[in-house]
Amino acid sequence: MYCGQCGTKIQEHEGQCGNCGKPVSQPLKAKTTTINYKKWGIIAVVAILILFFIPKVFGGGAGMSSPKGTVTGFIKAVKKQDIEKMYSYFKPDERMTKSEVTFFKDKFKEMIKDSPFKVKDYKILDVEIDGKEATVEFMVEVQYGDEVESTEESLDLIKVGKKWYIDDIFYNF
């Protein structure tokens, strides 16, 4: 550090300039901030638990890990007219050939393309689980042109591994 009056170099511990005698004000020390990485790590883990795992455990319907999640995802895919996504919610059948799978996807496309209705809203009404089988009852609000109609439907599901699938490939949604 240097004297502000004469420019002589001054040691940090000296209270005045040795050359001109001017009192030296101590420079401000830089404030150091320490980051508690452990604390922030714990906060991050808790946030991940809240955002991803707790909704699954308490029936938030995330993905296909619950019957409610499967039906919710299927209805959202119907709403978006996403054929590939819709088809992914049906139970895989290893006996089907690739051409049969393509046939059913094409049928889905025709049903959606030619259908005069659009899904406006839905609500899961009831979920009954019996081992690896489930039934999900839901209300769906559909718009036909200017008319809006609500109807109650149900889907049967089956659990394969850790995922729930719609058990009827021929479901006429």
Foldseek 3Di string as FASTA:
>chain_A
DADPPPGHDDDQVDQADPPPGHGDDHDDDDDDDDDDVVVVVVVVVVVCCVPPPVCLVVVVLPDFLDPSVLVVQLLVCLLVVPLVSNLVQADDDPPDDPVVSVVLSVVSNCLSVVDQKHWDDKAWDDWDDDPQKIKTKMWTWIDRPPDIDIDIDMFIWGDDPSGIHGHDSPDND
